[in-house]
C-alpha atoms as a PDB file:
ATOM      1  CA  UNK A   1     -57.022 129.723 -17.933  1.00  0.00           C
ATOM      2  CA  UNK A   2     -53.339 129.871 -17.039  1.00  0.00           C
ATOM      3  CA  UNK A   3     -54.211 128.809 -13.508  1.00  0.00           C
ATOM      4  CA  UNK A   4     -56.111 125.734 -14.785  1.00  0.00           C
ATOM      5  CA  UNK A   5     -53.234 124.815 -17.080  1.00  0.00           C
ATOM      6  CA  UNK A   6     -50.746 125.167 -14.217  1.00  0.00           C
ATOM      7  CA  UNK A   7     -52.873 122.976 -11.903  1.00  0.00           C
ATOM      8  CA  UNK A   8     -53.259 120.372 -14.665  1.00  0.00           C
ATOM      9  CA  UNK A   9     -49.515 120.252 -15.270  1.00  0.00           C
ATOM     10  CA  UNK A  10     -48.727 119.929 -11.569  1.00  0.00           C
ATOM     11  CA  UNK A  11     -51.389 117.221 -11.184  1.00  0.00           C
ATOM     12  CA  UNK A  12     -49.943 115.241 -14.074  1.00  0.00           C
ATOM     13  CA  UNK A  13     -46.439 115.488 -12.595  1.00  0.00           C
ATOM     14  CA  UNK A  14     -47.646 114.305  -9.176  1.00  0.00           C
ATOM     15  CA  UNK A  15     -49.579 111.373 -10.649  1.00  0.00           C
ATOM     16  CA  UNK A  16     -46.628 110.401 -12.852  1.00  0.00           C
ATOM     17  CA  UNK A  17     -44.185 110.468  -9.925  1.00  0.00           C
ATOM     18  CA  UNK A  18     -46.535 108.370  -7.777  1.00  0.00           C
ATOM     19  CA  UNK A  19     -47.026 105.773 -10.507  1.00  0.00           C
ATOM     20  CA  UNK A  20     -43.309 105.521 -11.291  1.00  0.00           C
ATOM     21  CA  UNK A  21     -42.526 104.726  -7.641  1.00  0.00           C
ATOM     22  CA  UNK A  22     -44.948 101.809  -7.506  1.00  0.00           C
ATOM     23  CA  UNK A  23     -43.544  98.296  -7.789  1.00  0.00           C
ATOM     24  CA  UNK A  24     -44.042  96.879 -11.266  1.00  0.00           C
ATOM     25  CA  UNK A  25     -44.286  93.207 -12.045  1.00  0.00           C
ATOM     26  CA  UNK A  26     -44.087  92.065 -15.646  1.00  0.00           C
ATOM     27  CA  UNK A  27     -45.360  88.698 -16.756  1.00  0.00           C
ATOM     28  CA  UNK A  28     -43.622  86.569 -19.365  1.00  0.00           C
ATOM     29  CA  UNK A  29     -44.297  83.508 -21.477  1.00  0.00           C
ATOM     30  CA  UNK A  30     -41.937  81.172 -23.288  1.00  0.00           C
ATOM     31  CA  UNK A  31     -42.260  78.364 -25.819  1.00  0.00           C
ATOM     32  CA  UNK A  32     -39.289  76.408 -27.076  1.00  0.00           C
ATOM     33  CA  UNK A  33     -38.231  73.255 -28.902  1.00  0.00           C
ATOM     34  CA  UNK A  34     -34.696  71.877 -28.887  1.00  0.00           C
ATOM     35  CA  UNK A  35     -33.293  68.657 -30.366  1.00  0.00           C
ATOM     36  CA  UNK A  36     -30.522  66.486 -28.924  1.00  0.00           C
ATOM     37  CA  UNK A  37     -29.610  64.647 -32.153  1.00  0.00           C
ATOM     38  CA  UNK A  38     -27.029  62.197 -30.760  1.00  0.00           C
ATOM     39  CA  UNK A  39     -29.133  61.209 -27.730  1.00  0.00           C
ATOM     40  CA  UNK A  40     -32.250  61.022 -29.879  1.00  0.00           C
ATOM     41  CA  UNK A  41     -34.715  63.251 -28.026  1.00  0.00           C
ATOM     42  CA  UNK A  42     -36.662  66.472 -28.477  1.00  0.00           C
ATOM     43  CA  UNK A  43     -37.299  68.859 -25.572  1.00  0.00           C
ATOM     44  CA  UNK A  44     -40.470  70.985 -25.759  1.00  0.00           C
ATOM     45  CA  UNK A  45     -41.178  73.628 -23.130  1.00  0.00           C
ATOM     46  CA  UNK A  46     -43.826  76.117 -22.213  1.00  0.00           C
ATOM     47  CA  UNK A  47     -43.223  78.458 -19.317  1.00  0.00           C
ATOM     48  CA  UNK A  48     -44.823  81.404 -17.627  1.00  0.00           C
ATOM     49  CA  UNK A  49     -43.731  83.600 -14.770  1.00  0.00           C
ATOM     50  CA  UNK A  50     -43.241  87.021 -13.264  1.00  0.00           C
ATOM     51  CA  UNK A  51     -40.290  89.375 -13.335  1.00  0.00           C
ATOM     52  CA  UNK A  52     -40.231  91.814 -10.440  1.00  0.00           C
ATOM     53  CA  UNK A  53     -39.396  95.488 -10.826  1.00  0.00           C
ATOM     54  CA  UNK A  54     -35.646  96.018 -10.926  1.00  0.00           C
ATOM     55  CA  UNK A  55     -34.857  92.430 -11.966  1.00  0.00           C
ATOM     56  CA  UNK A  56     -33.656  91.148 -15.317  1.00  0.00           C
ATOM     57  CA  UNK A  57     -34.787  87.571 -14.768  1.00  0.00           C
ATOM     58  CA  UNK A  58     -37.617  85.824 -13.004  1.00  0.00           C
ATOM     59  CA  UNK A  59     -37.374  84.105  -9.666  1.00  0.00           C
ATOM     60  CA  UNK A  60     -41.031  83.009  -9.755  1.00  0.00           C
ATOM     61  CA  UNK A  61     -42.009  80.812 -12.696  1.00  0.00           C
ATOM     62  CA  UNK A  62     -43.400  77.468 -13.826  1.00  0.00           C
ATOM     63  CA  UNK A  63     -42.260  75.378 -16.782  1.00  0.00           C
ATOM     64  CA  UNK A  64     -43.801  72.280 -18.273  1.00  0.00           C
ATOM     65  CA  UNK A  65     -41.219  70.219 -20.157  1.00  0.00           C
ATOM     66  CA  UNK A  66     -42.034  67.320 -22.476  1.00  0.00           C
ATOM     67  CA  UNK A  67     -39.242  65.060 -23.687  1.00  0.00           C
ATOM     68  CA  UNK A  68     -40.037  62.962 -26.766  1.00  0.00           C
ATOM     69  CA  UNK A  69     -37.976  60.387 -28.645  1.00  0.00           C
ATOM     70  CA  UNK A  70     -36.972  61.378 -32.174  1.00  0.00           C
ATOM     71  CA  UNK A  71     -37.696  57.828 -33.340  1.00  0.00           C
ATOM     72  CA  UNK A  72     -39.786  55.051 -31.812  1.00  0.00           C
ATOM     73  CA  UNK A  73     -36.769  52.819 -31.056  1.00  0.00           C
ATOM     74  CA  UNK A  74     -35.305  55.080 -28.394  1.00  0.00           C
ATOM     75  CA  UNK A  75     -37.196  55.797 -25.173  1.00  0.00           C
ATOM     76  CA  UNK A  76     -40.695  56.914 -24.268  1.00  0.00           C
ATOM     77  CA  UNK A  77     -42.133  60.420 -23.907  1.00  0.00           C
ATOM     78  CA  UNK A  78     -42.265  61.928 -20.422  1.00  0.00           C
ATOM     79  CA  UNK A  79     -43.115  65.226 -18.736  1.00  0.00           C
ATOM     80  CA  UNK A  80     -41.285  67.233 -16.113  1.00  0.00           C
ATOM     81  CA  UNK A  81     -42.721  70.173 -14.240  1.00  0.00           C
ATOM     82  CA  UNK A  82     -40.391  72.734 -12.731  1.00  0.00           C
ATOM     83  CA  UNK A  83     -41.225  75.573 -10.400  1.00  0.00           C
ATOM     84  CA  UNK A  84     -39.138  78.440  -9.068  1.00  0.00           C
ATOM     85  CA  UNK A  85     -39.869  80.573  -6.030  1.00  0.00           C
ATOM     86  CA  UNK A  86     -37.933  83.533  -4.601  1.00  0.00           C
ATOM     87  CA  UNK A  87     -35.057  82.499  -2.315  1.00  0.00           C
ATOM     88  CA  UNK A  88     -35.677  78.770  -2.877  1.00  0.00           C
ATOM     89  CA  UNK A  89     -34.196  76.071  -5.085  1.00  0.00           C
ATOM     90  CA  UNK A  90     -36.068  75.195  -8.244  1.00  0.00           C
ATOM     91  CA  UNK A  91     -38.177  72.069  -7.736  1.00  0.00           C
ATOM     92  CA  UNK A  92     -38.733  69.367 -10.347  1.00  0.00           C
ATOM     93  CA  UNK A  93     -41.158  66.476 -10.445  1.00  0.00           C
ATOM     94  CA  UNK A  94     -42.453  63.914 -12.910  1.00  0.00           C
ATOM     95  CA  UNK A  95     -45.603  61.983 -12.149  1.00  0.00           C
ATOM     96  CA  UNK A  96     -45.118  59.811 -15.264  1.00  0.00           C
ATOM     97  CA  UNK A  97     -41.677  58.672 -14.091  1.00  0.00           C
ATOM     98  CA  UNK A  98     -42.629  58.572 -10.404  1.00  0.00           C
ATOM     99  CA  UNK A  99     -40.219  61.356  -9.406  1.00  0.00           C
ATOM    100  CA  UNK A 100     -41.435  63.274  -6.368  1.00  0.00           C
ATOM    101  CA  UNK A 101     -40.443  66.919  -5.912  1.00  0.00           C
ATOM    102  CA  UNK A 102     -36.677  67.207  -5.988  1.00  0.00           C
ATOM    103  CA  UNK A 103     -34.335  70.166  -5.699  1.00  0.00           C
ATOM    104  CA  UNK A 104     -33.067  71.167  -9.155  1.00  0.00           C
ATOM    105  CA  UNK A 105     -29.870  73.211  -8.947  1.00  0.00           C
ATOM    106  CA  UNK A 106     -26.302  73.281 -10.202  1.00  0.00           C
ATOM    107  CA  UNK A 107     -25.321  70.161  -8.224  1.00  0.00           C
ATOM    108  CA  UNK A 108     -28.371  68.011  -9.014  1.00  0.00           C
ATOM    109  CA  UNK A 109     -29.967  69.049 -12.314  1.00  0.00           C
ATOM    110  CA  UNK A 110     -27.679  67.183 -14.746  1.00  0.00           C
ATOM    111  CA  UNK A 111     -28.006  63.935 -12.789  1.00  0.00           C
ATOM    112  CA  UNK A 112     -31.779  64.319 -12.358  1.00  0.00           C
ATOM    113  CA  UNK A 113     -32.299  64.921 -16.074  1.00  0.00           C
ATOM    114  CA  UNK A 114     -30.023  62.010 -17.015  1.00  0.00           C
ATOM    115  CA  UNK A 115     -31.868  59.748 -14.555  1.00  0.00           C
ATOM    116  CA  UNK A 116     -35.189  60.816 -16.107  1.00  0.00           C
ATOM    117  CA  UNK A 117     -33.899  59.950 -19.590  1.00  0.00           C
ATOM    118  CA  UNK A 118     -32.674  56.556 -18.389  1.00  0.00           C
ATOM    119  CA  UNK A 119     -35.984  55.857 -16.617  1.00  0.00           C
ATOM    120  CA  UNK A 120     -37.823  56.598 -19.863  1.00  0.00           C
ATOM    121  CA  UNK A 121     -35.643  54.104 -21.764  1.00  0.00           C
ATOM    122  CA  UNK A 122     -33.229  56.393 -23.594  1.00  0.00           C
ATOM    123  CA  UNK A 123     -30.093  54.321 -24.166  1.00  0.00           C
ATOM    124  CA  UNK A 124     -27.635  56.634 -25.888  1.00  0.00           C
ATOM    125  CA  UNK A 125     -27.246  59.668 -23.657  1.00  0.00           C
ATOM    126  CA  UNK A 126     -24.606  62.258 -24.511  1.00  0.00           C
ATOM    127  CA  UNK A 127     -23.492  64.282 -21.466  1.00  0.00           C
ATOM    128  CA  UNK A 128     -23.098  67.527 -23.450  1.00  0.00           C
ATOM    129  CA  UNK A 129     -26.712  67.227 -24.655  1.00  0.00           C
ATOM    130  CA  UNK A 130     -27.874  66.628 -21.080  1.00  0.00           C
ATOM    131  CA  UNK A 131     -26.040  69.788 -19.955  1.00  0.00           C
ATOM    132  CA  UNK A 132     -27.472  71.732 -22.897  1.00  0.00           C
ATOM    133  CA  UNK A 133     -30.994  70.519 -22.093  1.00  0.00           C
ATOM    134  CA  UNK A 134     -30.632  71.563 -18.463  1.00  0.00           C
ATOM    135  CA  UNK A 135     -29.385  74.957 -19.640  1.00  0.00           C
ATOM    136  CA  UNK A 136     -32.420  75.580 -21.873  1.00  0.00           C
ATOM    137  CA  UNK A 137     -34.828  74.318 -19.188  1.00  0.00           C
ATOM    138  CA  UNK A 138     -33.288  76.699 -16.645  1.00  0.00           C
ATOM    139  CA  UNK A 139     -33.483  79.487 -19.229  1.00  0.00           C
ATOM    140  CA  UNK A 140     -37.209  78.872 -19.678  1.00  0.00           C
ATOM    141  CA  UNK A 141     -37.727  79.664 -15.995  1.00  0.00           C
ATOM    142  CA  UNK A 142     -35.627  82.833 -16.123  1.00  0.00           C
ATOM    143  CA  UNK A 143     -37.798  84.695 -18.635  1.00  0.00           C
ATOM    144  CA  UNK A 144     -36.960  86.248 -22.008  1.00  0.00           C
ATOM    145  CA  UNK A 145     -33.381  87.108 -21.012  1.00  0.00           C
ATOM    146  CA  UNK A 146     -32.774  83.435 -20.215  1.00  0.00           C
ATOM    147  CA  UNK A 147     -33.851  82.222 -23.644  1.00  0.00           C
ATOM    148  CA  UNK A 148     -31.218  80.262 -25.550  1.00  0.00           C
ATOM    149  CA  UNK A 149     -31.352  81.009 -29.289  1.00  0.00           C
ATOM    150  CA  UNK A 150     -29.666  79.385 -32.295  1.00  0.00           C
ATOM    151  CA  UNK A 151     -25.954  80.189 -32.223  1.00  0.00           C
ATOM    152  CA  UNK A 152     -25.897  80.386 -28.416  1.00  0.00           C
ATOM    153  CA  UNK A 153     -25.669  76.633 -27.858  1.00  0.00           C
ATOM    154  CA  UNK A 154     -23.646  73.985 -29.665  1.00  0.00           C
ATOM    155  CA  UNK A 155     -24.931  70.778 -28.076  1.00  0.00           C
ATOM    156  CA  UNK A 156     -28.571  71.172 -29.181  1.00  0.00           C
ATOM    157  CA  UNK A 157     -30.391  72.246 -32.324  1.00  0.00           C
ATOM    158  CA  UNK A 158     -32.830  75.094 -31.725  1.00  0.00           C
ATOM    159  CA  UNK A 159     -36.101  74.486 -33.563  1.00  0.00           C
ATOM    160  CA  UNK A 160     -38.074  77.228 -31.823  1.00  0.00           C
ATOM    161  CA  UNK A 161     -37.420  79.754 -29.059  1.00  0.00           C
ATOM    162  CA  UNK A 162     -40.235  82.266 -28.568  1.00  0.00           C
ATOM    163  CA  UNK A 163     -40.027  84.449 -25.462  1.00  0.00           C
ATOM    164  CA  UNK A 164     -42.532  87.166 -24.760  1.00  0.00           C
ATOM    165  CA  UNK A 165     -43.351  89.874 -22.265  1.00  0.00           C
ATOM    166  CA  UNK A 166     -46.702  91.243 -21.450  1.00  0.00           C
ATOM    167  CA  UNK A 167     -48.697  88.324 -20.175  1.00  0.00           C
ATOM    168  CA  UNK A 168     -50.679  89.336 -17.154  1.00  0.00           C
ATOM    169  CA  UNK A 169     -48.704  88.588 -13.994  1.00  0.00           C
ATOM    170  CA  UNK A 170     -50.024  85.669 -12.010  1.00  0.00           C
ATOM    171  CA  UNK A 171     -50.307  85.850  -8.265  1.00  0.00           C
ATOM    172  CA  UNK A 172     -49.723  82.990  -5.873  1.00  0.00           C
ATOM    173  CA  UNK A 173     -47.492  79.989  -6.215  1.00  0.00           C
ATOM    174  CA  UNK A 174     -46.397  78.901  -9.669  1.00  0.00           C
ATOM    175  CA  UNK A 175     -48.409  75.944 -10.807  1.00  0.00           C
ATOM    176  CA  UNK A 176     -49.502  74.118 -13.908  1.00  0.00           C
ATOM    177  CA  UNK A 177     -52.490  76.429 -14.380  1.00  0.00           C
ATOM    178  CA  UNK A 178     -50.007  79.215 -15.111  1.00  0.00           C
ATOM    179  CA  UNK A 179     -49.291  77.575 -18.472  1.00  0.00           C
END
């Protein structure tokens, strides 16, 4: 009996040590809504991605962003899709606005988002709200630790920010079917 118990304990320790050394990928989801009151638009996002073992944030994710006017006098709704891959710049495109895939990074993202707003007919565009929108969009791709909550941003109103872990990791390139 003691021999069986000893073998069981050793077996459990071996299995546990083997499992703990395996790479672990955790999936995440995100839904958020933010308002830019002075510019007159609402940003809605859904995102999904993977966070690799040992990382705090994702480098492989997809986010679908819809920008809607707060009132009918200011601009038209449009969608942006953003995708991040390890060791590459984030890419952004908008079929509605005719934007082909463009690199979205610290040098280009503010101008790309502002250009998208202008193309959709938004007239009053406040630079701080553009920067805040880019910040929350980038956060959606980073995973739960990138989520911007109320009190963490002054330029936008946070209507909803719901991050979550535990979605099954997706394999392959990020794409719209992830969300």
